[in-house]
Amino acid sequence: MNHYVLELTEDGTFRPKIYFGNIFLIGEKSNHYRHTLKDKGRGRFELFNVNPNNTNTNCTIRCPKCSSKLVRVTANNYQCVICKGK
């Protein structure tokens, strides 16, 4: 399973960037990243907030594999329609 940090782009979408460090310490190291994304396999992703007081999870996120828009399935679960069939 890969972990990604989300960077806000100019058009207001979040672009995932792979993160190799300790995902639990990301809130202490940098205030730049506000969301993390966990790859659960088969085109499924789970979104986490770094700040527990921030409850906004309504984000437009790009898929880290194919750059298409992720579809929201539940409150913090997203799915890629293109990568789902692969």
Protein backbone atom coordinates (compact mmCIF):
# COMPACT_ATOMS: atom_id res chain seq x y z
CA MET A 1 0.00 0.00 0.00
CA ASN A 2 1.29 3.41 -0.97
CA HIS A 3 0.73 6.62 0.92
CA TYR A 4 0.40 9.95 -0.85
CA VAL A 5 0.28 13.56 0.29
CA LEU A 6 -2.02 15.88 -1.60
CA GLU A 7 -0.77 19.14 -3.10
CA LEU A 8 -3.23 21.83 -4.14
CA THR A 9 -2.83 22.83 -7.79
CA GLU A 10 -3.72 26.08 -9.55
CA ASP A 11 -7.09 24.78 -10.76
CA GLY A 12 -8.24 23.82 -7.23
CA THR A 13 -7.75 20.06 -7.50
CA PHE A 14 -5.46 17.98 -5.35
CA ARG A 15 -2.57 16.15 -7.01
CA PRO A 16 -1.13 13.17 -5.12
CA LYS A 17 2.59 13.00 -4.48
CA ILE A 18 4.08 9.76 -3.16
CA TYR A 19 5.37 9.95 0.39
CA PHE A 20 8.04 7.56 1.67
CA GLY A 21 8.40 8.91 5.21
CA ASN A 22 6.50 8.18 8.40
CA ILE A 23 2.90 9.08 7.61
CA PHE A 24 2.06 9.55 11.31
CA LEU A 25 4.61 12.37 11.70
CA ILE A 26 3.55 14.38 8.67
CA GLY A 27 1.40 16.75 10.70
CA GLU A 28 4.33 17.67 12.91
CA LYS A 29 6.87 18.13 10.11
CA SER A 30 4.98 20.26 7.63
CA ASN A 31 1.92 22.47 7.65
CA HIS A 32 1.91 22.45 3.85
CA TYR A 33 0.13 19.11 3.55
CA ARG A 34 -3.42 18.94 4.87
CA HIS A 35 -4.58 15.61 3.45
CA THR A 36 -3.07 12.18 2.93
CA LEU A 37 -4.30 9.45 0.61
CA LYS A 38 -3.86 5.72 1.15
CA ASP A 39 -3.94 3.33 -1.81
CA LYS A 40 -6.08 0.32 -0.89
CA GLY A 41 -5.65 -1.47 -4.24
CA ARG A 42 -7.92 -2.00 -7.26
CA GLY A 43 -8.50 1.71 -7.78
CA ARG A 44 -9.73 2.36 -4.22
CA PHE A 45 -8.30 5.15 -2.05
CA GLU A 46 -8.92 6.40 1.48
CA LEU A 47 -8.56 10.09 2.40
CA PHE A 48 -7.25 11.23 5.78
CA ASN A 49 -7.06 14.71 7.26
CA VAL A 50 -3.78 15.68 8.92
CA ASN A 51 -5.64 18.20 11.10
CA PRO A 52 -8.30 16.33 13.14
CA ASN A 53 -10.24 19.57 13.67
CA ASN A 54 -10.72 20.00 9.91
CA THR A 55 -13.76 18.00 8.83
CA ASN A 56 -13.82 19.14 5.19
CA THR A 57 -13.29 16.04 3.06
CA ASN A 58 -15.12 17.29 -0.03
CA CYS A 59 -12.10 17.46 -2.33
CA THR A 60 -11.49 17.04 -6.04
CA ILE A 61 -8.61 14.56 -6.21
CA ARG A 62 -6.67 13.21 -9.18
CA CYS A 63 -5.75 9.54 -9.39
CA PRO A 64 -2.04 8.97 -8.71
CA LYS A 65 -1.83 6.28 -11.41
CA CYS A 66 -3.80 7.67 -14.37
CA SER A 67 -4.52 11.34 -13.38
CA SER A 68 -8.28 11.01 -13.85
CA LYS A 69 -10.71 12.44 -11.31
CA LEU A 70 -11.51 10.20 -8.34
CA VAL A 71 -15.17 9.52 -7.58
CA ARG A 72 -16.36 9.81 -4.00
CA VAL A 73 -17.89 6.56 -2.70
CA THR A 74 -18.34 7.29 1.01
CA ALA A 75 -17.31 10.11 3.35
CA ASN A 76 -13.57 9.43 3.06
CA ASN A 77 -13.34 6.68 0.41
CA TYR A 78 -12.70 7.44 -3.24
CA GLN A 79 -12.53 5.26 -6.32
CA CYS A 80 -10.94 5.60 -9.75
CA VAL A 81 -13.29 4.44 -12.47
CA ILE A 82 -10.46 3.80 -14.94
CA CYS A 83 -8.13 1.91 -12.57
CA LYS A 84 -11.01 -0.10 -11.08
CA GLY A 85 -11.15 -2.49 -14.02
CA LYS A 86 -7.41 -3.10 -14.19
